[in-house]
Amino acid sequence: MQGRIQEGVLEAEFQAATGWLLPPRVANRLEAGVARQDTVFQGLSLWAFDHPEALADMRRRAVEWVRRWPEPRTWELSGYLEYLAGDWAAAARAFMASLEQEPENLDAWVDLAFCLKHLGLALGESILFDHDLWVRLQCQERGPLTLASLNRLHSQVQKSPDRLEATSVRWVAPYL
């Protein structure tokens, strides 16, 4: 059964599985002017380090949560868990699903960028340098995010006079 998350249900299931409270979700919009607002990934990272044997079970739970409540919150939880397990492609798909519903969330864009970098795709660097353009363009288009649509957005970013020139300079590559 798909629907909206009832208040407290996901938090209770998450706490039962991890032993810690799921912090409130805050979407990070560009106008907030901060690098990151969502603290869940940091907490999950520490938890996974202390409980590596429980990561597979949490990934299965996240699949169930996404099935029941396909919302940005559950997609991002799934993405974080896949990222921690080293499944960059699955993590990228989860962050793209979140961004389809909430393209203005900078945290999800940055998370997607690092997944793409792990997969060896230059799209990740472009998102990290020109995230404001990516957010603006996806907010205008509001469609499904796939590798093909990301490549189309990348083409638009590359043509933009507002893009940072740093992404086109070879000397930056060793620092990425």
N, C-alpha and C. Protein backbone atom coordinates (compact mmCIF):
# COMPACT_ATOMS: atom_id res chain seq x y z
N MET A 1 0.84 -1.18 0.00
CA MET A 1 0.00 0.00 0.00
C MET A 1 0.89 1.24 0.00
N GLN A 2 0.76 2.08 -1.04
CA GLN A 2 1.53 3.30 -1.11
C GLN A 2 0.70 4.45 -0.58
N GLY A 3 1.35 5.35 0.11
CA GLY A 3 0.66 6.51 0.64
C GLY A 3 1.63 7.43 1.33
N ARG A 4 1.09 8.41 2.00
CA ARG A 4 1.90 9.34 2.77
C ARG A 4 2.36 8.66 4.06
N ILE A 5 3.52 9.04 4.51
CA ILE A 5 4.03 8.51 5.77
C ILE A 5 3.19 9.10 6.90
N GLN A 6 2.63 8.22 7.70
CA GLN A 6 1.93 8.71 8.88
C GLN A 6 2.96 9.20 9.89
N GLU A 7 2.67 10.32 10.50
CA GLU A 7 3.61 10.91 11.43
C GLU A 7 4.02 9.91 12.52
N GLY A 8 5.30 9.74 12.68
CA GLY A 8 5.84 8.89 13.72
C GLY A 8 6.07 7.44 13.35
N VAL A 9 5.44 6.96 12.27
CA VAL A 9 5.56 5.54 11.92
C VAL A 9 6.96 5.20 11.43
N LEU A 10 7.46 5.95 10.46
CA LEU A 10 8.82 5.71 9.95
C LEU A 10 9.84 5.90 11.07
N GLU A 11 9.66 6.94 11.86
CA GLU A 11 10.59 7.21 12.95
C GLU A 11 10.63 6.06 13.95
N ALA A 12 9.46 5.49 14.26
CA ALA A 12 9.41 4.37 15.20
C ALA A 12 10.09 3.14 14.61
N GLU A 13 9.84 2.84 13.34
CA GLU A 13 10.48 1.69 12.70
C GLU A 13 11.99 1.90 12.61
N PHE A 14 12.41 3.11 12.30
CA PHE A 14 13.83 3.42 12.20
C PHE A 14 14.50 3.27 13.56
N GLN A 15 13.87 3.79 14.60
CA GLN A 15 14.45 3.69 15.95
C GLN A 15 14.51 2.24 16.41
N ALA A 16 13.50 1.46 16.09
CA ALA A 16 13.51 0.04 16.47
C ALA A 16 14.68 -0.69 15.80
N ALA A 17 15.01 -0.29 14.57
CA ALA A 17 16.08 -0.96 13.83
C ALA A 17 17.48 -0.47 14.22
N THR A 18 17.60 0.82 14.54
CA THR A 18 18.93 1.39 14.77
C THR A 18 19.23 1.74 16.22
N GLY A 19 18.18 1.98 16.99
CA GLY A 19 18.39 2.40 18.37
C GLY A 19 18.55 3.90 18.53
N TRP A 20 18.44 4.66 17.45
CA TRP A 20 18.54 6.11 17.59
C TRP A 20 17.40 6.79 16.85
N LEU A 21 17.10 8.01 17.29
CA LEU A 21 15.99 8.76 16.72
C LEU A 21 16.36 9.30 15.35
N LEU A 22 15.45 9.17 14.43
CA LEU A 22 15.62 9.75 13.10
C LEU A 22 15.38 11.25 13.21
N PRO A 23 16.40 12.06 12.92
CA PRO A 23 16.21 13.51 13.05
C PRO A 23 15.15 14.02 12.07
N PRO A 24 14.56 15.14 12.37
CA PRO A 24 13.58 15.72 11.43
C PRO A 24 14.25 16.00 10.09
N ARG A 25 13.50 15.82 9.02
CA ARG A 25 14.04 16.06 7.68
C ARG A 25 13.91 17.53 7.34
N VAL A 26 15.00 18.08 6.80
CA VAL A 26 15.00 19.47 6.35
C VAL A 26 15.53 19.48 4.92
N ALA A 27 14.69 19.91 3.98
CA ALA A 27 15.15 20.05 2.60
C ALA A 27 16.03 21.29 2.52
N ASN A 28 17.18 21.17 1.89
CA ASN A 28 18.14 22.26 1.80
C ASN A 28 17.95 22.99 0.47
N ARG A 29 17.34 24.13 0.50
CA ARG A 29 17.13 24.92 -0.71
C ARG A 29 18.28 25.92 -0.88
N LEU A 30 18.56 26.26 -2.12
CA LEU A 30 19.67 27.17 -2.42
C LEU A 30 19.60 28.46 -1.61
N GLU A 31 18.39 28.99 -1.47
CA GLU A 31 18.26 30.27 -0.78
C GLU A 31 18.63 30.19 0.70
N ALA A 32 18.73 28.97 1.26
CA ALA A 32 19.15 28.82 2.66
C ALA A 32 20.62 29.23 2.82
N GLY A 33 21.40 29.08 1.74
CA GLY A 33 22.79 29.52 1.76
C GLY A 33 23.71 28.68 2.64
N VAL A 34 23.33 27.41 2.89
CA VAL A 34 24.18 26.55 3.70
C VAL A 34 24.61 25.33 2.89
N ALA A 35 25.76 24.78 3.26
CA ALA A 35 26.29 23.64 2.52
C ALA A 35 25.45 22.38 2.70
N ARG A 36 24.95 22.15 3.91
CA ARG A 36 24.16 20.94 4.17
C ARG A 36 23.25 21.17 5.36
N GLN A 37 22.02 20.68 5.24
CA GLN A 37 21.09 20.78 6.36
C GLN A 37 20.72 19.41 6.92
N ASP A 38 20.69 18.40 6.07
CA ASP A 38 20.27 17.06 6.49
C ASP A 38 21.42 16.38 7.23
N THR A 39 21.17 15.93 8.45
CA THR A 39 22.21 15.30 9.27
C THR A 39 22.07 13.77 9.33
N VAL A 40 21.10 13.22 8.60
CA VAL A 40 20.83 11.79 8.69
C VAL A 40 22.02 10.97 8.18
N PHE A 41 22.64 11.38 7.08
CA PHE A 41 23.74 10.59 6.53
C PHE A 41 24.90 10.47 7.53
N GLN A 42 25.22 11.57 8.19
CA GLN A 42 26.31 11.52 9.17
C GLN A 42 25.97 10.52 10.28
N GLY A 43 24.76 10.56 10.77
CA GLY A 43 24.35 9.63 11.82
C GLY A 43 24.35 8.19 11.35
N LEU A 44 23.84 7.97 10.13
CA LEU A 44 23.83 6.61 9.59
C LEU A 44 25.25 6.09 9.37
N SER A 45 26.14 6.97 8.97
CA SER A 45 27.54 6.57 8.76
C SER A 45 28.16 6.06 10.05
N LEU A 46 27.94 6.80 11.11
CA LEU A 46 28.47 6.37 12.41
C LEU A 46 27.83 5.06 12.86
N TRP A 47 26.52 4.96 12.67
CA TRP A 47 25.80 3.74 13.05
C TRP A 47 26.32 2.55 12.24
N ALA A 48 26.49 2.72 10.93
CA ALA A 48 26.95 1.62 10.07
C ALA A 48 28.38 1.20 10.44
N PHE A 49 29.20 2.16 10.85
CA PHE A 49 30.56 1.83 11.28
C PHE A 49 30.53 0.95 12.53
N ASP A 50 29.63 1.29 13.45
CA ASP A 50 29.52 0.52 14.69
C ASP A 50 28.75 -0.79 14.52
N HIS A 51 27.89 -0.87 13.50
CA HIS A 51 27.03 -2.05 13.30
C HIS A 51 27.05 -2.52 11.84
N PRO A 52 28.21 -2.85 11.31
CA PRO A 52 28.27 -3.24 9.89
C PRO A 52 27.42 -4.46 9.57
N GLU A 53 27.22 -5.33 10.55
CA GLU A 53 26.43 -6.54 10.32
C GLU A 53 24.95 -6.23 10.11
N ALA A 54 24.50 -5.06 10.51
CA ALA A 54 23.08 -4.69 10.41
C ALA A 54 22.77 -3.91 9.14
N LEU A 55 23.79 -3.56 8.36
CA LEU A 55 23.56 -2.73 7.17
C LEU A 55 22.67 -3.43 6.14
N ALA A 56 22.88 -4.71 5.91
CA ALA A 56 22.06 -5.43 4.91
C ALA A 56 20.59 -5.43 5.31
N ASP A 57 20.31 -5.62 6.59
CA ASP A 57 18.93 -5.60 7.06
C ASP A 57 18.32 -4.21 6.88
N MET A 58 19.09 -3.17 7.17
CA MET A 58 18.57 -1.81 7.00
C MET A 58 18.30 -1.50 5.53
N ARG A 59 19.14 -2.01 4.65
CA ARG A 59 18.89 -1.80 3.21
C ARG A 59 17.58 -2.46 2.80
N ARG A 60 17.31 -3.67 3.31
CA ARG A 60 16.04 -4.34 3.01
C ARG A 60 14.86 -3.54 3.56
N ARG A 61 15.02 -3.02 4.75
CA ARG A 61 13.95 -2.19 5.33
C ARG A 61 13.70 -0.95 4.48
N ALA A 62 14.76 -0.33 4.00
CA ALA A 62 14.62 0.87 3.18
C ALA A 62 13.86 0.58 1.88
N VAL A 63 14.12 -0.58 1.29
CA VAL A 63 13.37 -0.98 0.09
C VAL A 63 11.87 -1.06 0.42
N GLU A 64 11.56 -1.61 1.56
CA GLU A 64 10.16 -1.71 2.01
C GLU A 64 9.57 -0.32 2.27
N TRP A 65 10.35 0.56 2.91
CA TRP A 65 9.85 1.91 3.19
C TRP A 65 9.57 2.66 1.90
N VAL A 66 10.45 2.52 0.91
CA VAL A 66 10.24 3.18 -0.38
C VAL A 66 8.99 2.63 -1.06
N ARG A 67 8.79 1.33 -0.96
CA ARG A 67 7.59 0.73 -1.56
C ARG A 67 6.32 1.27 -0.90
N ARG A 68 6.37 1.37 0.42
CA ARG A 68 5.19 1.84 1.16
C ARG A 68 4.99 3.35 1.05
N TRP A 69 6.09 4.09 1.11
CA TRP A 69 6.02 5.55 1.12
C TRP A 69 7.07 6.11 0.14
N PRO A 70 6.77 6.16 -1.14
CA PRO A 70 7.75 6.66 -2.13
C PRO A 70 7.86 8.19 -2.10
N GLU A 71 8.46 8.67 -1.04
CA GLU A 71 8.62 10.11 -0.81
C GLU A 71 10.11 10.44 -0.72
N PRO A 72 10.47 11.72 -0.85
CA PRO A 72 11.89 12.07 -0.76
C PRO A 72 12.58 11.53 0.49
N ARG A 73 11.91 11.56 1.61
CA ARG A 73 12.52 11.09 2.88
C ARG A 73 12.97 9.63 2.78
N THR A 74 12.08 8.77 2.29
CA THR A 74 12.43 7.35 2.22
C THR A 74 13.43 7.08 1.10
N TRP A 75 13.30 7.79 -0.03
CA TRP A 75 14.27 7.62 -1.11
C TRP A 75 15.67 8.01 -0.64
N GLU A 76 15.75 9.10 0.12
CA GLU A 76 17.07 9.53 0.61
C GLU A 76 17.64 8.54 1.62
N LEU A 77 16.81 8.01 2.51
CA LEU A 77 17.29 6.98 3.43
C LEU A 77 17.84 5.79 2.65
N SER A 78 17.12 5.38 1.64
CA SER A 78 17.58 4.27 0.81
C SER A 78 18.91 4.62 0.13
N GLY A 79 18.99 5.84 -0.39
CA GLY A 79 20.24 6.28 -1.03
C GLY A 79 21.41 6.28 -0.08
N TYR A 80 21.20 6.77 1.13
CA TYR A 80 22.28 6.78 2.12
C TYR A 80 22.77 5.37 2.42
N LEU A 81 21.82 4.46 2.62
CA LEU A 81 22.19 3.08 2.96
C LEU A 81 22.90 2.39 1.80
N GLU A 82 22.44 2.62 0.58
CA GLU A 82 23.12 2.04 -0.59
C GLU A 82 24.52 2.63 -0.74
N TYR A 83 24.64 3.92 -0.49
CA TYR A 83 25.95 4.58 -0.55
C TYR A 83 26.91 3.95 0.46
N LEU A 84 26.43 3.79 1.68
CA LEU A 84 27.27 3.19 2.73
C LEU A 84 27.67 1.75 2.39
N ALA A 85 26.81 1.05 1.62
CA ALA A 85 27.12 -0.32 1.20
C ALA A 85 28.00 -0.34 -0.04
N GLY A 86 28.27 0.82 -0.62
CA GLY A 86 29.12 0.89 -1.80
C GLY A 86 28.41 0.59 -3.10
N ASP A 87 27.09 0.57 -3.10
CA ASP A 87 26.33 0.36 -4.34
C ASP A 87 25.97 1.73 -4.90
N TRP A 88 26.94 2.35 -5.59
CA TRP A 88 26.80 3.72 -6.08
C TRP A 88 25.63 3.86 -7.05
N ALA A 89 25.42 2.87 -7.92
CA ALA A 89 24.34 2.96 -8.90
C ALA A 89 22.97 2.95 -8.21
N ALA A 90 22.79 2.07 -7.23
CA ALA A 90 21.52 2.02 -6.51
C ALA A 90 21.32 3.32 -5.71
N ALA A 91 22.38 3.82 -5.11
CA ALA A 91 22.29 5.08 -4.37
C ALA A 91 21.91 6.22 -5.32
N ALA A 92 22.55 6.26 -6.49
CA ALA A 92 22.23 7.32 -7.47
C ALA A 92 20.77 7.24 -7.89
N ARG A 93 20.26 6.03 -8.13
CA ARG A 93 18.84 5.89 -8.51
C ARG A 93 17.92 6.41 -7.41
N ALA A 94 18.27 6.14 -6.17
CA ALA A 94 17.45 6.60 -5.05
C ALA A 94 17.46 8.13 -4.96
N PHE A 95 18.63 8.73 -5.09
CA PHE A 95 18.70 10.20 -5.02
C PHE A 95 17.98 10.83 -6.21
N MET A 96 18.07 10.20 -7.38
CA MET A 96 17.33 10.73 -8.54
C MET A 96 15.82 10.65 -8.30
N ALA A 97 15.35 9.57 -7.70
CA ALA A 97 13.92 9.43 -7.39
C ALA A 97 13.48 10.52 -6.41
N SER A 98 14.32 10.83 -5.45
CA SER A 98 14.01 11.91 -4.51
C SER A 98 13.95 13.24 -5.24
N LEU A 99 14.92 13.47 -6.11
CA LEU A 99 14.99 14.75 -6.83
C LEU A 99 13.86 14.92 -7.85
N GLU A 100 13.30 13.84 -8.33
CA GLU A 100 12.14 13.96 -9.22
C GLU A 100 10.99 14.63 -8.50
N GLN A 101 10.86 14.37 -7.21
CA GLN A 101 9.78 14.94 -6.42
C GLN A 101 10.17 16.29 -5.80
N GLU A 102 11.44 16.47 -5.55
CA GLU A 102 11.90 17.67 -4.84
C GLU A 102 13.22 18.15 -5.45
N PRO A 103 13.16 18.68 -6.68
CA PRO A 103 14.41 19.04 -7.39
C PRO A 103 15.17 20.20 -6.76
N GLU A 104 14.57 20.91 -5.85
CA GLU A 104 15.25 22.04 -5.24
C GLU A 104 16.12 21.65 -4.04
N ASN A 105 16.17 20.37 -3.67
CA ASN A 105 16.92 19.95 -2.49
C ASN A 105 18.41 19.78 -2.81
N LEU A 106 19.19 20.76 -2.42
CA LEU A 106 20.63 20.77 -2.70
C LEU A 106 21.34 19.56 -2.10
N ASP A 107 20.96 19.14 -0.90
CA ASP A 107 21.62 17.98 -0.27
C ASP A 107 21.52 16.75 -1.16
N ALA A 108 20.34 16.51 -1.74
CA ALA A 108 20.17 15.33 -2.60
C ALA A 108 21.01 15.46 -3.87
N TRP A 109 21.16 16.68 -4.39
CA TRP A 109 22.01 16.88 -5.57
C TRP A 109 23.47 16.55 -5.25
N VAL A 110 23.94 17.02 -4.11
CA VAL A 110 25.33 16.75 -3.72
C VAL A 110 25.53 15.24 -3.50
N ASP A 111 24.56 14.60 -2.87
CA ASP A 111 24.66 13.15 -2.67
C ASP A 111 24.69 12.42 -4.00
N LEU A 112 23.85 12.84 -4.93
CA LEU A 112 23.86 12.25 -6.28
C LEU A 112 25.21 12.49 -6.95
N ALA A 113 25.74 13.69 -6.81
CA ALA A 113 27.03 14.01 -7.44
C ALA A 113 28.13 13.07 -6.98
N PHE A 114 28.19 12.80 -5.69
CA PHE A 114 29.25 11.91 -5.20
C PHE A 114 29.04 10.47 -5.68
N CYS A 115 27.79 10.05 -5.81
CA CYS A 115 27.53 8.71 -6.39
C CYS A 115 28.05 8.65 -7.83
N LEU A 116 27.76 9.70 -8.59
CA LEU A 116 28.18 9.74 -10.00
C LEU A 116 29.71 9.79 -10.10
N LYS A 117 30.35 10.51 -9.20
CA LYS A 117 31.82 10.54 -9.19
C LYS A 117 32.38 9.16 -8.90
N HIS A 118 31.78 8.44 -7.95
CA HIS A 118 32.23 7.07 -7.66
C HIS A 118 32.05 6.16 -8.87
N LEU A 119 31.04 6.44 -9.68
CA LEU A 119 30.79 5.66 -10.89
C LEU A 119 31.68 6.10 -12.05
N GLY A 120 32.51 7.12 -11.83
CA GLY A 120 33.42 7.60 -12.85
C GLY A 120 32.79 8.53 -13.88
N LEU A 121 31.66 9.11 -13.53
CA LEU A 121 30.95 10.00 -14.47
C LEU A 121 31.26 11.46 -14.16
N ALA A 122 31.65 12.20 -15.19
CA ALA A 122 31.99 13.61 -15.03
C ALA A 122 30.79 14.46 -14.62
N LEU A 123 29.61 13.92 -14.78
CA LEU A 123 28.40 14.65 -14.36
C LEU A 123 28.50 15.06 -12.89
N GLY A 124 29.10 14.21 -12.08
CA GLY A 124 29.23 14.50 -10.66
C GLY A 124 30.01 15.78 -10.40
N GLU A 125 31.10 15.97 -11.11
CA GLU A 125 31.90 17.19 -10.95
C GLU A 125 31.09 18.41 -11.36
N SER A 126 30.38 18.29 -12.46
CA SER A 126 29.57 19.41 -12.93
C SER A 126 28.51 19.80 -11.90
N ILE A 127 27.85 18.80 -11.32
CA ILE A 127 26.83 19.09 -10.30
C ILE A 127 27.47 19.78 -9.10
N LEU A 128 28.63 19.32 -8.66
CA LEU A 128 29.28 19.92 -7.50
C LEU A 128 29.69 21.37 -7.76
N PHE A 129 30.19 21.66 -8.96
CA PHE A 129 30.62 23.02 -9.27
C PHE A 129 29.46 23.94 -9.61
N ASP A 130 28.48 23.43 -10.33
CA ASP A 130 27.40 24.27 -10.86
C ASP A 130 26.03 23.85 -10.34
N HIS A 131 25.96 23.48 -9.06
CA HIS A 131 24.72 22.96 -8.50
C HIS A 131 23.55 23.92 -8.66
N ASP A 132 23.80 25.22 -8.59
CA ASP A 132 22.71 26.17 -8.74
C ASP A 132 22.06 26.07 -10.11
N LEU A 133 22.85 25.86 -11.16
CA LEU A 133 22.29 25.69 -12.51
C LEU A 133 21.51 24.39 -12.62
N TRP A 134 22.04 23.31 -12.07
CA TRP A 134 21.37 22.01 -12.11
C TRP A 134 20.01 22.10 -11.41
N VAL A 135 20.00 22.73 -10.25
CA VAL A 135 18.74 22.86 -9.50
C VAL A 135 17.75 23.67 -10.32
N ARG A 136 18.18 24.80 -10.81
CA ARG A 136 17.27 25.68 -11.58
C ARG A 136 16.73 24.97 -12.82
N LEU A 137 17.59 24.30 -13.57
CA LEU A 137 17.15 23.63 -14.79
C LEU A 137 16.18 22.48 -14.49
N GLN A 138 16.49 21.67 -13.48
CA GLN A 138 15.58 20.56 -13.16
C GLN A 138 14.26 21.08 -12.61
N CYS A 139 14.28 22.16 -11.86
CA CYS A 139 13.02 22.74 -11.36
C CYS A 139 12.15 23.23 -12.52
N GLN A 140 12.79 23.70 -13.60
CA GLN A 140 12.04 24.15 -14.77
C GLN A 140 11.47 22.97 -15.55
N GLU A 141 12.25 21.90 -15.67
CA GLU A 141 11.84 20.76 -16.49
C GLU A 141 10.92 19.80 -15.75
N ARG A 142 11.17 19.56 -14.47
CA ARG A 142 10.33 18.68 -13.63
C ARG A 142 9.93 17.39 -14.32
N GLY A 143 10.88 16.57 -14.64
CA GLY A 143 10.58 15.29 -15.26
C GLY A 143 11.36 14.18 -14.60
N PRO A 144 11.20 12.98 -15.11
CA PRO A 144 11.95 11.84 -14.57
C PRO A 144 13.46 12.06 -14.73
N LEU A 145 14.20 11.67 -13.74
CA LEU A 145 15.65 11.76 -13.82
C LEU A 145 16.22 10.38 -14.16
N THR A 146 16.94 10.34 -15.25
CA THR A 146 17.63 9.15 -15.71
C THR A 146 19.02 9.60 -16.13
N LEU A 147 19.87 8.66 -16.48
CA LEU A 147 21.19 9.03 -16.97
C LEU A 147 21.05 9.89 -18.23
N ALA A 148 20.11 9.54 -19.10
CA ALA A 148 19.90 10.31 -20.33
C ALA A 148 19.45 11.74 -20.01
N SER A 149 18.52 11.89 -19.06
CA SER A 149 18.06 13.24 -18.74
C SER A 149 19.16 14.04 -18.03
N LEU A 150 19.98 13.36 -17.23
CA LEU A 150 21.12 14.05 -16.60
C LEU A 150 22.10 14.53 -17.67
N ASN A 151 22.32 13.72 -18.69
CA ASN A 151 23.21 14.14 -19.78
C ASN A 151 22.63 15.33 -20.54
N ARG A 152 21.31 15.36 -20.72
CA ARG A 152 20.67 16.52 -21.37
C ARG A 152 20.85 17.77 -20.50
N LEU A 153 20.63 17.63 -19.20
CA LEU A 153 20.83 18.77 -18.30
C LEU A 153 22.29 19.23 -18.33
N HIS A 154 23.19 18.27 -18.35
CA HIS A 154 24.62 18.60 -18.39
C HIS A 154 24.95 19.41 -19.63
N SER A 155 24.37 19.04 -20.75
CA SER A 155 24.58 19.78 -21.99
C SER A 155 24.10 21.22 -21.84
N GLN A 156 22.96 21.41 -21.19
CA GLN A 156 22.45 22.76 -20.96
C GLN A 156 23.35 23.54 -20.02
N VAL A 157 23.84 22.88 -18.99
CA VAL A 157 24.75 23.53 -18.04
C VAL A 157 26.02 23.96 -18.75
N GLN A 158 26.55 23.10 -19.61
CA GLN A 158 27.79 23.41 -20.33
C GLN A 158 27.63 24.63 -21.24
N LYS A 159 26.44 24.87 -21.74
CA LYS A 159 26.18 26.00 -22.64
C LYS A 159 25.85 27.28 -21.88
N SER A 160 25.63 27.19 -20.59
CA SER A 160 25.20 28.34 -19.81
C SER A 160 26.35 29.33 -19.59
N PRO A 161 26.08 30.61 -19.80
CA PRO A 161 27.11 31.61 -19.51
C PRO A 161 27.35 31.77 -18.00
N ASP A 162 26.45 31.21 -17.19
CA ASP A 162 26.59 31.33 -15.73
C ASP A 162 27.42 30.23 -15.10
N ARG A 163 27.82 29.23 -15.89
CA ARG A 163 28.53 28.10 -15.30
C ARG A 163 29.94 28.52 -14.89
N LEU A 164 30.46 27.84 -13.88
CA LEU A 164 31.82 28.12 -13.41
C LEU A 164 32.82 27.61 -14.44
N GLU A 165 33.75 28.43 -14.78
CA GLU A 165 34.77 28.03 -15.75
C GLU A 165 35.70 26.97 -15.18
N ALA A 166 35.73 26.84 -13.87
CA ALA A 166 36.64 25.87 -13.23
C ALA A 166 36.41 24.45 -13.74
N THR A 167 35.17 24.13 -14.11
CA THR A 167 34.90 22.76 -14.55
C THR A 167 35.47 22.48 -15.94
N SER A 168 35.88 23.52 -16.65
CA SER A 168 36.41 23.30 -17.98
C SER A 168 37.93 23.39 -18.03
N VAL A 169 38.58 23.64 -16.90
CA VAL A 169 40.03 23.82 -16.87
C VAL A 169 40.68 22.51 -16.41
N ARG A 170 41.64 22.05 -17.20
CA ARG A 170 42.30 20.77 -16.91
C ARG A 170 43.04 20.74 -15.57
N TRP A 171 43.58 21.88 -15.11
CA TRP A 171 44.37 21.85 -13.88
C TRP A 171 43.52 21.53 -12.65
N VAL A 172 42.21 21.61 -12.76
CA VAL A 172 41.33 21.30 -11.63
C VAL A 172 41.25 19.78 -11.40
N ALA A 173 41.42 19.01 -12.44
CA ALA A 173 41.20 17.56 -12.37
C ALA A 173 41.92 16.87 -11.21
N PRO A 174 43.20 17.18 -10.93
CA PRO A 174 43.86 16.48 -9.82
C PRO A 174 43.22 16.72 -8.46
N TYR A 175 42.46 17.79 -8.32
CA TYR A 175 41.85 18.13 -7.04
C TYR A 175 40.46 17.56 -6.87
N LEU A 176 39.91 16.94 -7.89
CA LEU A 176 38.56 16.41 -7.82
C LEU A 176 38.53 14.97 -7.37
